[in-house]
Amino acid sequence: MRETAEAFEASFLSQMLKPMFEGLKTDGMFGGGHAEETWRGFMVEAMAKQTVQAGGIGLADQVVAQMIRMQEEQSA
């Protein structure tokens, strides 16, 4: 359950982080150009996973708690 909840949190964070990088220009002296633009989605996903591994924002904890509640209700 925990693994699933953390994957959900990482996916959520990835979707929240994505708009932050959409407007960035990749040209200029230190820009990554087309390659940076192409791989940006993977970078955002990696940042989201790293955030979850570092403790996340608490969403995974809430998801696990809800999953446990749902299992308990089905057992009763």
PDB file of N, CA and C in Angstrom:
ATOM      1  N   MET A   1       0.823  -1.192   0.000  1.00  0.00           N
ATOM      2  CA  MET A   1       0.000   0.000   0.000  1.00  0.00           C
ATOM      3  C   MET A   1       0.866   1.253   0.000  1.00  0.00           C
ATOM      4  N   ARG A   2       1.914   1.213   0.813  1.00  0.00           N
ATOM      5  CA  ARG A   2       2.778   2.384   0.930  1.00  0.00           C
ATOM      6  C   ARG A   2       3.425   2.721  -0.424  1.00  0.00           C
ATOM      7  N   GLU A   3       3.878   1.694  -1.110  1.00  0.00           N
ATOM      8  CA  GLU A   3       4.525   1.906  -2.405  1.00  0.00           C
ATOM      9  C   GLU A   3       3.553   2.545  -3.403  1.00  0.00           C
ATOM     10  N   THR A   4       2.332   2.064  -3.403  1.00  0.00           N
ATOM     11  CA  THR A   4       1.307   2.606  -4.295  1.00  0.00           C
ATOM     12  C   THR A   4       0.993   4.054  -3.939  1.00  0.00           C
ATOM     13  N   ALA A   5       0.890   4.340  -2.639  1.00  0.00           N
ATOM     14  CA  ALA A   5       0.592   5.697  -2.185  1.00  0.00           C
ATOM     15  C   ALA A   5       1.733   6.650  -2.541  1.00  0.00           C
ATOM     16  N   GLU A   6       2.965   6.193  -2.413  1.00  0.00           N
ATOM     17  CA  GLU A   6       4.102   7.041  -2.759  1.00  0.00           C
ATOM     18  C   GLU A   6       4.173   7.272  -4.263  1.00  0.00           C
ATOM     19  N   ALA A   7       3.830   6.268  -5.044  1.00  0.00           N
ATOM     20  CA  ALA A   7       3.798   6.439  -6.498  1.00  0.00           C
ATOM     21  C   ALA A   7       2.723   7.458  -6.883  1.00  0.00           C
ATOM     22  N   PHE A   8       1.592   7.402  -6.194  1.00  0.00           N
ATOM     23  CA  PHE A   8       0.525   8.376  -6.448  1.00  0.00           C
ATOM     24  C   PHE A   8       0.986   9.783  -6.088  1.00  0.00           C
ATOM     25  N   GLU A   9       1.646   9.923  -4.943  1.00  0.00           N
ATOM     26  CA  GLU A   9       2.132  11.239  -4.516  1.00  0.00           C
ATOM     27  C   GLU A   9       3.161  11.774  -5.522  1.00  0.00           C
ATOM     28  N   ALA A  10       4.058  10.921  -5.991  1.00  0.00           N
ATOM     29  CA  ALA A  10       5.057  11.348  -6.973  1.00  0.00           C
ATOM     30  C   ALA A  10       4.385  11.798  -8.263  1.00  0.00           C
ATOM     31  N   SER A  11       3.373  11.074  -8.684  1.00  0.00           N
ATOM     32  CA  SER A  11       2.640  11.450  -9.893  1.00  0.00           C
ATOM     33  C   SER A  11       1.943  12.796  -9.710  1.00  0.00           C
ATOM     34  N   PHE A  12       1.333  12.978  -8.558  1.00  0.00           N
ATOM     35  CA  PHE A  12       0.662  14.240  -8.239  1.00  0.00           C
ATOM     36  C   PHE A  12       1.662  15.394  -8.240  1.00  0.00           C
ATOM     37  N   LEU A  13       2.797  15.201  -7.558  1.00  0.00           N
ATOM     38  CA  LEU A  13       3.802  16.253  -7.506  1.00  0.00           C
ATOM     39  C   LEU A  13       4.356  16.574  -8.890  1.00  0.00           C
ATOM     40  N   SER A  14       4.543  15.553  -9.692  1.00  0.00           N
ATOM     41  CA  SER A  14       5.033  15.758 -11.049  1.00  0.00           C
ATOM     42  C   SER A  14       4.075  16.653 -11.830  1.00  0.00           C
ATOM     43  N   GLN A  15       2.785  16.405 -11.695  1.00  0.00           N
ATOM     44  CA  GLN A  15       1.786  17.214 -12.396  1.00  0.00           C
ATOM     45  C   GLN A  15       1.759  18.643 -11.862  1.00  0.00           C
ATOM     46  N   MET A  16       2.040  18.822 -10.574  1.00  0.00           N
ATOM     47  CA  MET A  16       2.058  20.163  -9.987  1.00  0.00           C
ATOM     48  C   MET A  16       3.327  20.928 -10.369  1.00  0.00           C
ATOM     49  N   LEU A  17       4.439  20.216 -10.525  1.00  0.00           N
ATOM     50  CA  LEU A  17       5.707  20.859 -10.872  1.00  0.00           C
ATOM     51  C   LEU A  17       5.813  21.199 -12.355  1.00  0.00           C
ATOM     52  N   LYS A  18       5.149  20.430 -13.185  1.00  0.00           N
ATOM     53  CA  LYS A  18       5.271  20.584 -14.640  1.00  0.00           C
ATOM     54  C   LYS A  18       5.025  22.019 -15.117  1.00  0.00           C
ATOM     55  N   PRO A  19       3.980  22.717 -14.663  1.00  0.00           N
ATOM     56  CA  PRO A  19       3.743  24.084 -15.153  1.00  0.00           C
ATOM     57  C   PRO A  19       4.864  25.065 -14.801  1.00  0.00           C
ATOM     58  N   MET A  20       5.614  24.776 -13.750  1.00  0.00           N
ATOM     59  CA  MET A  20       6.711  25.671 -13.373  1.00  0.00           C
ATOM     60  C   MET A  20       7.774  25.753 -14.463  1.00  0.00           C
ATOM     61  N   PHE A  21       7.940  24.691 -15.203  1.00  0.00           N
ATOM     62  CA  PHE A  21       9.012  24.619 -16.185  1.00  0.00           C
ATOM     63  C   PHE A  21       8.552  24.835 -17.622  1.00  0.00           C
ATOM     64  N   GLU A  22       7.262  24.905 -17.850  1.00  0.00           N
ATOM     65  CA  GLU A  22       6.751  25.019 -19.214  1.00  0.00           C
ATOM     66  C   GLU A  22       7.151  26.312 -19.902  1.00  0.00           C
ATOM     67  N   GLY A  23       7.224  27.400 -19.177  1.00  0.00           N
ATOM     68  CA  GLY A  23       7.527  28.686 -19.798  1.00  0.00           C
ATOM     69  C   GLY A  23       9.001  29.011 -19.888  1.00  0.00           C
ATOM     70  N   LEU A  24       9.866  28.145 -19.396  1.00  0.00           N
ATOM     71  CA  LEU A  24      11.294  28.432 -19.412  1.00  0.00           C
ATOM     72  C   LEU A  24      11.860  28.323 -20.819  1.00  0.00           C
ATOM     73  N   LYS A  25      12.688  29.273 -21.158  1.00  0.00           N
ATOM     74  CA  LYS A  25      13.354  29.233 -22.463  1.00  0.00           C
ATOM     75  C   LYS A  25      14.649  28.438 -22.318  1.00  0.00           C
ATOM     76  N   THR A  26      14.947  27.642 -23.317  1.00  0.00           N
ATOM     77  CA  THR A  26      16.141  26.798 -23.256  1.00  0.00           C
ATOM     78  C   THR A  26      17.249  27.297 -24.172  1.00  0.00           C
ATOM     79  N   ASP A  27      17.063  28.489 -24.747  1.00  0.00           N
ATOM     80  CA  ASP A  27      18.114  29.030 -25.590  1.00  0.00           C
ATOM     81  C   ASP A  27      19.069  29.872 -24.734  1.00  0.00           C
ATOM     82  N   GLY A  28      20.026  30.463 -25.312  1.00  0.00           N
ATOM     83  CA  GLY A  28      20.985  31.272 -24.575  1.00  0.00           C
ATOM     84  C   GLY A  28      22.273  30.508 -24.332  1.00  0.00           C
ATOM     85  N   MET A  29      23.219  31.196 -23.715  1.00  0.00           N
ATOM     86  CA  MET A  29      24.544  30.633 -23.538  1.00  0.00           C
ATOM     87  C   MET A  29      24.547  29.343 -22.712  1.00  0.00           C
ATOM     88  N   PHE A  30      23.781  29.295 -21.647  1.00  0.00           N
ATOM     89  CA  PHE A  30      23.787  28.117 -20.773  1.00  0.00           C
ATOM     90  C   PHE A  30      22.526  27.279 -20.894  1.00  0.00           C
ATOM     91  N   GLY A  31      21.740  27.548 -21.894  1.00  0.00           N
ATOM     92  CA  GLY A  31      20.522  26.788 -22.114  1.00  0.00           C
ATOM     93  C   GLY A  31      20.818  25.431 -22.727  1.00  0.00           C
ATOM     94  N   GLY A  32      19.926  24.500 -22.516  1.00  0.00           N
ATOM     95  CA  GLY A  32      20.117  23.152 -23.040  1.00  0.00           C
ATOM     96  C   GLY A  32      19.509  22.940 -24.407  1.00  0.00           C
ATOM     97  N   GLY A  33      18.858  23.973 -24.916  1.00  0.00           N
ATOM     98  CA  GLY A  33      18.279  23.874 -26.250  1.00  0.00           C
ATOM     99  C   GLY A  33      17.167  22.848 -26.342  1.00  0.00           C
ATOM    100  N   HIS A  34      17.064  22.244 -27.513  1.00  0.00           N
ATOM    101  CA  HIS A  34      15.996  21.282 -27.777  1.00  0.00           C
ATOM    102  C   HIS A  34      16.116  20.046 -26.883  1.00  0.00           C
ATOM    103  N   ALA A  35      17.338  19.625 -26.587  1.00  0.00           N
ATOM    104  CA  ALA A  35      17.529  18.437 -25.751  1.00  0.00           C
ATOM    105  C   ALA A  35      16.969  18.657 -24.353  1.00  0.00           C
ATOM    106  N   GLU A  36      17.202  19.831 -23.796  1.00  0.00           N
ATOM    107  CA  GLU A  36      16.671  20.122 -22.460  1.00  0.00           C
ATOM    108  C   GLU A  36      15.156  20.089 -22.471  1.00  0.00           C
ATOM    109  N   GLU A  37      14.593  20.684 -23.487  1.00  0.00           N
ATOM    110  CA  GLU A  37      13.140  20.699 -23.613  1.00  0.00           C
ATOM    111  C   GLU A  37      12.580  19.280 -23.736  1.00  0.00           C
ATOM    112  N   THR A  38      13.289  18.440 -24.478  1.00  0.00           N
ATOM    113  CA  THR A  38      12.857  17.059 -24.689  1.00  0.00           C
ATOM    114  C   THR A  38      12.890  16.257 -23.400  1.00  0.00           C
ATOM    115  N   TRP A  39      13.922  16.424 -22.602  1.00  0.00           N
ATOM    116  CA  TRP A  39      14.114  15.614 -21.394  1.00  0.00           C
ATOM    117  C   TRP A  39      13.543  16.253 -20.132  1.00  0.00           C
ATOM    118  N   ARG A  40      12.957  17.411 -20.245  1.00  0.00           N
ATOM    119  CA  ARG A  40      12.446  18.130 -19.074  1.00  0.00           C
ATOM    120  C   ARG A  40      11.414  17.313 -18.292  1.00  0.00           C
ATOM    121  N   GLY A  41      10.548  16.601 -18.976  1.00  0.00           N
ATOM    122  CA  GLY A  41       9.536  15.790 -18.303  1.00  0.00           C
ATOM    123  C   GLY A  41      10.155  14.739 -17.396  1.00  0.00           C
ATOM    124  N   PHE A  42      11.253  14.136 -17.854  1.00  0.00           N
ATOM    125  CA  PHE A  42      11.940  13.142 -17.029  1.00  0.00           C
ATOM    126  C   PHE A  42      12.570  13.794 -15.803  1.00  0.00           C
ATOM    127  N   MET A  43      13.100  15.004 -15.985  1.00  0.00           N
ATOM    128  CA  MET A  43      13.690  15.723 -14.864  1.00  0.00           C
ATOM    129  C   MET A  43      12.625  16.058 -13.812  1.00  0.00           C
ATOM    130  N   VAL A  44      11.483  16.518 -14.268  1.00  0.00           N
ATOM    131  CA  VAL A  44      10.393  16.857 -13.343  1.00  0.00           C
ATOM    132  C   VAL A  44       9.931  15.612 -12.596  1.00  0.00           C
ATOM    133  N   GLU A  45       9.818  14.508 -13.298  1.00  0.00           N
ATOM    134  CA  GLU A  45       9.416  13.250 -12.671  1.00  0.00           C
ATOM    135  C   GLU A  45      10.442  12.808 -11.625  1.00  0.00           C
ATOM    136  N   ALA A  46      11.717  12.945 -11.946  1.00  0.00           N
ATOM    137  CA  ALA A  46      12.775  12.581 -11.001  1.00  0.00           C
ATOM    138  C   ALA A  46      12.748  13.485  -9.780  1.00  0.00           C
ATOM    139  N   MET A  47      12.476  14.765  -9.982  1.00  0.00           N
ATOM    140  CA  MET A  47      12.377  15.687  -8.849  1.00  0.00           C
ATOM    141  C   MET A  47      11.214  15.303  -7.941  1.00  0.00           C
ATOM    142  N   ALA A  48      10.101  14.917  -8.530  1.00  0.00           N
ATOM    143  CA  ALA A  48       8.938  14.518  -7.749  1.00  0.00           C
ATOM    144  C   ALA A  48       9.225  13.257  -6.941  1.00  0.00           C
ATOM    145  N   LYS A  49       9.870  12.267  -7.565  1.00  0.00           N
ATOM    146  CA  LYS A  49      10.213  11.032  -6.850  1.00  0.00           C
ATOM    147  C   LYS A  49      11.187  11.311  -5.711  1.00  0.00           C
ATOM    148  N   GLN A  50      12.149  12.185  -5.955  1.00  0.00           N
ATOM    149  CA  GLN A  50      13.120  12.533  -4.921  1.00  0.00           C
ATOM    150  C   GLN A  50      12.440  13.251  -3.763  1.00  0.00           C
ATOM    151  N   THR A  51      11.481  14.099  -4.069  1.00  0.00           N
ATOM    152  CA  THR A  51      10.734  14.795  -3.026  1.00  0.00           C
ATOM    153  C   THR A  51       9.979  13.805  -2.151  1.00  0.00           C
ATOM    154  N   VAL A  52       9.375  12.802  -2.765  1.00  0.00           N
ATOM    155  CA  VAL A  52       8.648  11.777  -2.008  1.00  0.00           C
ATOM    156  C   VAL A  52       9.620  10.983  -1.130  1.00  0.00           C
ATOM    157  N   GLN A  53      10.781  10.633  -1.676  1.00  0.00           N
ATOM    158  CA  GLN A  53      11.768   9.880  -0.895  1.00  0.00           C
ATOM    159  C   GLN A  53      12.274  10.690   0.289  1.00  0.00           C
ATOM    160  N   ALA A  54      12.286  12.008   0.158  1.00  0.00           N
ATOM    161  CA  ALA A  54      12.761  12.880   1.237  1.00  0.00           C
ATOM    162  C   ALA A  54      11.669  13.177   2.262  1.00  0.00           C
ATOM    163  N   GLY A  55      10.493  12.595   2.094  1.00  0.00           N
ATOM    164  CA  GLY A  55       9.419  12.815   3.057  1.00  0.00           C
ATOM    165  C   GLY A  55       8.142  13.323   2.429  1.00  0.00           C
ATOM    166  N   GLY A  56       8.250  13.835   1.232  1.00  0.00           N
ATOM    167  CA  GLY A  56       7.065  14.267   0.508  1.00  0.00           C
ATOM    168  C   GLY A  56       6.320  15.407   1.154  1.00  0.00           C
ATOM    169  N   ILE A  57       5.057  15.518   0.798  1.00  0.00           N
ATOM    170  CA  ILE A  57       4.212  16.584   1.318  1.00  0.00           C
ATOM    171  C   ILE A  57       3.109  16.030   2.215  1.00  0.00           C
ATOM    172  N   GLY A  58       3.176  14.742   2.506  1.00  0.00           N
ATOM    173  CA  GLY A  58       2.187  14.118   3.391  1.00  0.00           C
ATOM    174  C   GLY A  58       1.013  13.483   2.675  1.00  0.00           C
ATOM    175  N   LEU A  59       0.980  13.572   1.378  1.00  0.00           N
ATOM    176  CA  LEU A  59      -0.131  13.003   0.625  1.00  0.00           C
ATOM    177  C   LEU A  59      -0.141  11.489   0.708  1.00  0.00           C
ATOM    178  N   ALA A  60       1.031  10.863   0.612  1.00  0.00           N
ATOM    179  CA  ALA A  60       1.103   9.400   0.684  1.00  0.00           C
ATOM    180  C   ALA A  60       0.564   8.892   2.018  1.00  0.00           C
ATOM    181  N   ASP A  61       0.860   9.597   3.101  1.00  0.00           N
ATOM    182  CA  ASP A  61       0.350   9.195   4.417  1.00  0.00           C
ATOM    183  C   ASP A  61      -1.177   9.201   4.432  1.00  0.00           C
ATOM    184  N   GLN A  62      -1.765  10.223   3.843  1.00  0.00           N
ATOM    185  CA  GLN A  62      -3.220  10.326   3.795  1.00  0.00           C
ATOM    186  C   GLN A  62      -3.827   9.234   2.921  1.00  0.00           C
ATOM    187  N   VAL A  63      -3.167   8.925   1.818  1.00  0.00           N
ATOM    188  CA  VAL A  63      -3.660   7.878   0.921  1.00  0.00           C
ATOM    189  C   VAL A  63      -3.605   6.520   1.613  1.00  0.00           C
ATOM    190  N   VAL A  64      -2.498   6.230   2.309  1.00  0.00           N
ATOM    191  CA  VAL A  64      -2.376   4.958   3.035  1.00  0.00           C
ATOM    192  C   VAL A  64      -3.463   4.860   4.106  1.00  0.00           C
ATOM    193  N   ALA A  65      -3.679   5.931   4.842  1.00  0.00           N
ATOM    194  CA  ALA A  65      -4.712   5.930   5.882  1.00  0.00           C
ATOM    195  C   ALA A  65      -6.088   5.652   5.284  1.00  0.00           C
ATOM    196  N   GLN A  66      -6.366   6.268   4.147  1.00  0.00           N
ATOM    197  CA  GLN A  66      -7.660   6.050   3.499  1.00  0.00           C
ATOM    198  C   GLN A  66      -7.784   4.615   2.989  1.00  0.00           C
ATOM    199  N   MET A  67      -6.705   4.082   2.444  1.00  0.00           N
ATOM    200  CA  MET A  67      -6.732   2.701   1.958  1.00  0.00           C
ATOM    201  C   MET A  67      -6.987   1.725   3.111  1.00  0.00           C
ATOM    202  N   ILE A  68      -6.376   1.972   4.246  1.00  0.00           N
ATOM    203  CA  ILE A  68      -6.587   1.122   5.422  1.00  0.00           C
ATOM    204  C   ILE A  68      -8.038   1.223   5.878  1.00  0.00           C
ATOM    205  N   ARG A  69      -8.581   2.449   5.911  1.00  0.00           N
ATOM    206  CA  ARG A  69      -9.987   2.633   6.297  1.00  0.00           C
ATOM    207  C   ARG A  69     -10.922   1.864   5.365  1.00  0.00           C
ATOM    208  N   MET A  70     -10.633   1.929   4.077  1.00  0.00           N
ATOM    209  CA  MET A  70     -11.467   1.229   3.101  1.00  0.00           C
ATOM    210  C   MET A  70     -11.406  -0.286   3.303  1.00  0.00           C
ATOM    211  N   GLN A  71     -10.217  -0.803   3.601  1.00  0.00           N
ATOM    212  CA  GLN A  71     -10.078  -2.243   3.861  1.00  0.00           C
ATOM    213  C   GLN A  71     -10.832  -2.651   5.119  1.00  0.00           C
ATOM    214  N   GLU A  72     -10.754  -1.830   6.147  1.00  0.00           N
ATOM    215  CA  GLU A  72     -11.459  -2.133   7.385  1.00  0.00           C
ATOM    216  C   GLU A  72     -12.966  -2.151   7.169  1.00  0.00           C
ATOM    217  N   GLU A  73     -13.463  -1.201   6.354  1.00  0.00           N
ATOM    218  CA  GLU A  73     -14.894  -1.163   6.078  1.00  0.00           C
ATOM    219  C   GLU A  73     -15.349  -2.388   5.299  1.00  0.00           C
ATOM    220  N   GLN A  74     -14.506  -2.866   4.391  1.00  0.00           N
ATOM    221  CA  GLN A  74     -14.864  -4.054   3.612  1.00  0.00           C
ATOM    222  C   GLN A  74     -14.854  -5.309   4.487  1.00  0.00           C
ATOM    223  N   SER A  75     -13.978  -5.336   5.483  1.00  0.00           N
ATOM    224  CA  SER A  75     -13.881  -6.497   6.379  1.00  0.00           C
ATOM    225  C   SER A  75     -15.063  -6.567   7.337  1.00  0.00           C
ATOM    226  N   ALA A  76     -15.607  -5.414   7.668  1.00  0.00           N
ATOM    227  CA  ALA A  76     -16.714  -5.378   8.647  1.00  0.00           C
ATOM    228  C   ALA A  76     -18.031  -5.781   8.073  1.00  0.00           C
TER     229      ALA A  76
END
